[in-house]
Each structure stands twice: as C-alpha cells, then as structure tokens.
C-alpha atoms as a PDB file:
ATOM      1  CA  UNK A   1     -61.998   7.218  -4.923  1.00  0.00           C
ATOM      2  CA  UNK A   2     -59.785   5.926  -2.111  1.00  0.00           C
ATOM      3  CA  UNK A   3     -61.466   5.468   1.224  1.00  0.00           C
ATOM      4  CA  UNK A   4     -59.795   6.351   4.514  1.00  0.00           C
ATOM      5  CA  UNK A   5     -59.479   2.686   5.485  1.00  0.00           C
ATOM      6  CA  UNK A   6     -57.890   1.797   2.155  1.00  0.00           C
ATOM      7  CA  UNK A   7     -55.485   4.745   2.429  1.00  0.00           C
ATOM      8  CA  UNK A   8     -54.526   3.627   5.945  1.00  0.00           C
ATOM      9  CA  UNK A   9     -53.913   0.070   4.697  1.00  0.00           C
ATOM     10  CA  UNK A  10     -51.697   1.378   1.893  1.00  0.00           C
ATOM     11  CA  UNK A  11     -49.709   3.533   4.322  1.00  0.00           C
ATOM     12  CA  UNK A  12     -49.275   0.620   6.756  1.00  0.00           C
ATOM     13  CA  UNK A  13     -48.055  -1.608   3.927  1.00  0.00           C
ATOM     14  CA  UNK A  14     -45.546   1.059   2.885  1.00  0.00           C
ATOM     15  CA  UNK A  15     -44.339   1.383   6.489  1.00  0.00           C
ATOM     16  CA  UNK A  16     -43.711  -2.355   6.672  1.00  0.00           C
ATOM     17  CA  UNK A  17     -41.690  -2.343   3.420  1.00  0.00           C
ATOM     18  CA  UNK A  18     -39.405   0.576   4.345  1.00  0.00           C
ATOM     19  CA  UNK A  19     -36.831  -1.434   6.355  1.00  0.00           C
ATOM     20  CA  UNK A  20     -36.632  -4.008   3.557  1.00  0.00           C
ATOM     21  CA  UNK A  21     -36.175  -1.283   0.949  1.00  0.00           C
ATOM     22  CA  UNK A  22     -33.523   0.460   3.057  1.00  0.00           C
ATOM     23  CA  UNK A  23     -31.618  -2.814   3.418  1.00  0.00           C
ATOM     24  CA  UNK A  24     -31.727  -3.406  -0.348  1.00  0.00           C
ATOM     25  CA  UNK A  25     -30.497   0.132  -1.044  1.00  0.00           C
ATOM     26  CA  UNK A  26     -27.651  -0.212   1.458  1.00  0.00           C
ATOM     27  CA  UNK A  27     -26.599  -3.515  -0.098  1.00  0.00           C
ATOM     28  CA  UNK A  28     -26.616  -2.003  -3.590  1.00  0.00           C
ATOM     29  CA  UNK A  29     -24.617   1.039  -2.499  1.00  0.00           C
ATOM     30  CA  UNK A  30     -22.016  -1.026  -0.602  1.00  0.00           C
ATOM     31  CA  UNK A  31     -21.583  -3.662  -3.328  1.00  0.00           C
ATOM     32  CA  UNK A  32     -18.756  -1.823  -5.171  1.00  0.00           C
ATOM     33  CA  UNK A  33     -16.917  -1.316  -1.865  1.00  0.00           C
ATOM     34  CA  UNK A  34     -17.185  -5.010  -1.002  1.00  0.00           C
ATOM     35  CA  UNK A  35     -15.965  -6.033  -4.470  1.00  0.00           C
ATOM     36  CA  UNK A  36     -13.017  -3.634  -4.303  1.00  0.00           C
ATOM     37  CA  UNK A  37     -12.053  -4.943  -0.866  1.00  0.00           C
ATOM     38  CA  UNK A  38     -11.979  -8.507  -2.206  1.00  0.00           C
ATOM     39  CA  UNK A  39     -10.034  -7.661  -5.381  1.00  0.00           C
ATOM     40  CA  UNK A  40      -7.388  -5.326  -3.949  1.00  0.00           C
ATOM     41  CA  UNK A  41      -4.412  -6.977  -2.232  1.00  0.00           C
ATOM     42  CA  UNK A  42      -4.358  -7.265   1.557  1.00  0.00           C
ATOM     43  CA  UNK A  43      -0.806  -5.974   1.628  1.00  0.00           C
ATOM     44  CA  UNK A  44      -1.063  -2.350   0.524  1.00  0.00           C
ATOM     45  CA  UNK A  45       2.590  -2.009  -0.484  1.00  0.00           C
ATOM     46  CA  UNK A  46       2.040  -2.648  -4.242  1.00  0.00           C
ATOM     47  CA  UNK A  47      -0.818  -0.154  -4.326  1.00  0.00           C
ATOM     48  CA  UNK A  48       1.126   2.517  -2.439  1.00  0.00           C
ATOM     49  CA  UNK A  49       4.227   1.978  -4.600  1.00  0.00           C
ATOM     50  CA  UNK A  50       2.149   2.186  -7.762  1.00  0.00           C
ATOM     51  CA  UNK A  51       0.515   5.414  -6.644  1.00  0.00           C
ATOM     52  CA  UNK A  52       3.938   6.807  -5.675  1.00  0.00           C
ATOM     53  CA  UNK A  53       5.435   5.945  -9.064  1.00  0.00           C
ATOM     54  CA  UNK A  54       2.506   7.569 -10.875  1.00  0.00           C
ATOM     55  CA  UNK A  55       3.045  10.737  -8.847  1.00  0.00           C
ATOM     56  CA  UNK A  56       6.825  10.583  -9.331  1.00  0.00           C
ATOM     57  CA  UNK A  57       6.591  10.501 -13.134  1.00  0.00           C
ATOM     58  CA  UNK A  58       3.927  13.242 -13.051  1.00  0.00           C
ATOM     59  CA  UNK A  59       1.095  11.140 -14.433  1.00  0.00           C
ATOM     60  CA  UNK A  60      -0.973  12.239 -11.449  1.00  0.00           C
ATOM     61  CA  UNK A  61      -0.529  15.214  -9.128  1.00  0.00           C
ATOM     62  CA  UNK A  62       0.643  14.609  -5.575  1.00  0.00           C
ATOM     63  CA  UNK A  63      -2.693  15.661  -3.995  1.00  0.00           C
ATOM     64  CA  UNK A  64      -4.415  13.035  -6.132  1.00  0.00           C
ATOM     65  CA  UNK A  65      -1.833  10.457  -5.051  1.00  0.00           C
ATOM     66  CA  UNK A  66      -2.380  11.314  -1.390  1.00  0.00           C
ATOM     67  CA  UNK A  67      -6.153  11.119  -1.817  1.00  0.00           C
ATOM     68  CA  UNK A  68      -5.867   7.755  -3.601  1.00  0.00           C
ATOM     69  CA  UNK A  69      -3.601   6.391  -0.870  1.00  0.00           C
ATOM     70  CA  UNK A  70      -5.919   7.568   1.882  1.00  0.00           C
ATOM     71  CA  UNK A  71      -8.919   6.205  -0.003  1.00  0.00           C
ATOM     72  CA  UNK A  72      -7.244   2.807  -0.283  1.00  0.00           C
ATOM     73  CA  UNK A  73      -6.341   2.856   3.400  1.00  0.00           C
ATOM     74  CA  UNK A  74      -9.905   3.701   4.441  1.00  0.00           C
ATOM     75  CA  UNK A  75     -11.343   1.122   2.042  1.00  0.00           C
ATOM     76  CA  UNK A  76      -9.228  -1.669   3.527  1.00  0.00           C
ATOM     77  CA  UNK A  77      -9.820  -0.668   7.171  1.00  0.00           C
ATOM     78  CA  UNK A  78     -13.508   0.239   7.070  1.00  0.00           C
ATOM     79  CA  UNK A  79     -15.967  -2.489   8.019  1.00  0.00           C
ATOM     80  CA  UNK A  80     -19.583  -2.256   7.012  1.00  0.00           C
ATOM     81  CA  UNK A  81     -22.152  -3.194   9.648  1.00  0.00           C
ATOM     82  CA  UNK A  82     -23.161  -6.133   7.473  1.00  0.00           C
ATOM     83  CA  UNK A  83     -19.610  -7.532   7.198  1.00  0.00           C
ATOM     84  CA  UNK A  84     -18.996  -6.960  10.926  1.00  0.00           C
ATOM     85  CA  UNK A  85     -21.891  -9.255  11.812  1.00  0.00           C
ATOM     86  CA  UNK A  86     -20.950 -11.947   9.281  1.00  0.00           C
ATOM     87  CA  UNK A  87     -17.246 -11.871  10.135  1.00  0.00           C
ATOM     88  CA  UNK A  88     -16.008 -11.023   6.625  1.00  0.00           C
END
C-alpha cells in the first residue's frame, strides 16, 4: 500500500522529470528536420528544378510538386528554438 507521503514524493519526482522528458521528445522529433537541413543544398535551385521536371514529365502531379517545393522552402527557412540559440 502506498502512503500519502510516498505518493507525494513520486508525484514530485515526476514533476521534476517532465521538462527533461519534454526536451528529449522535442530533440527526437526535430532530428529528421535537422538532418534534412544539413543534407539538402543551401541553394534551392537544383531541388526546385528537379521537382519541376518531375511534374513536367507527369511523374508527380502539380499539387504534389507545389507542396514539395513549399515544404522545402519552409524546411530551409524555419529555425528551431534550439538551433536559434546555438547559432546553427
């Protein structure tokens, strides 16, 4: 049987770990975005031309091409709070 004092201690311990857990989750979620930003070229011209060619030869539909282009644009311009503080 768990006493009230023990329950309170468990709850306080969980409260202290929440910020750490939230930081770990945010890092895990943003990892693919950070990797993609490092791998993709800074100059977006090759990416935009490639997407345009795929749409031109009907390998992808034009709405998909527009969404991919906008996604690339947002990915390159968006700064995570973590990278803003570290200067990356």
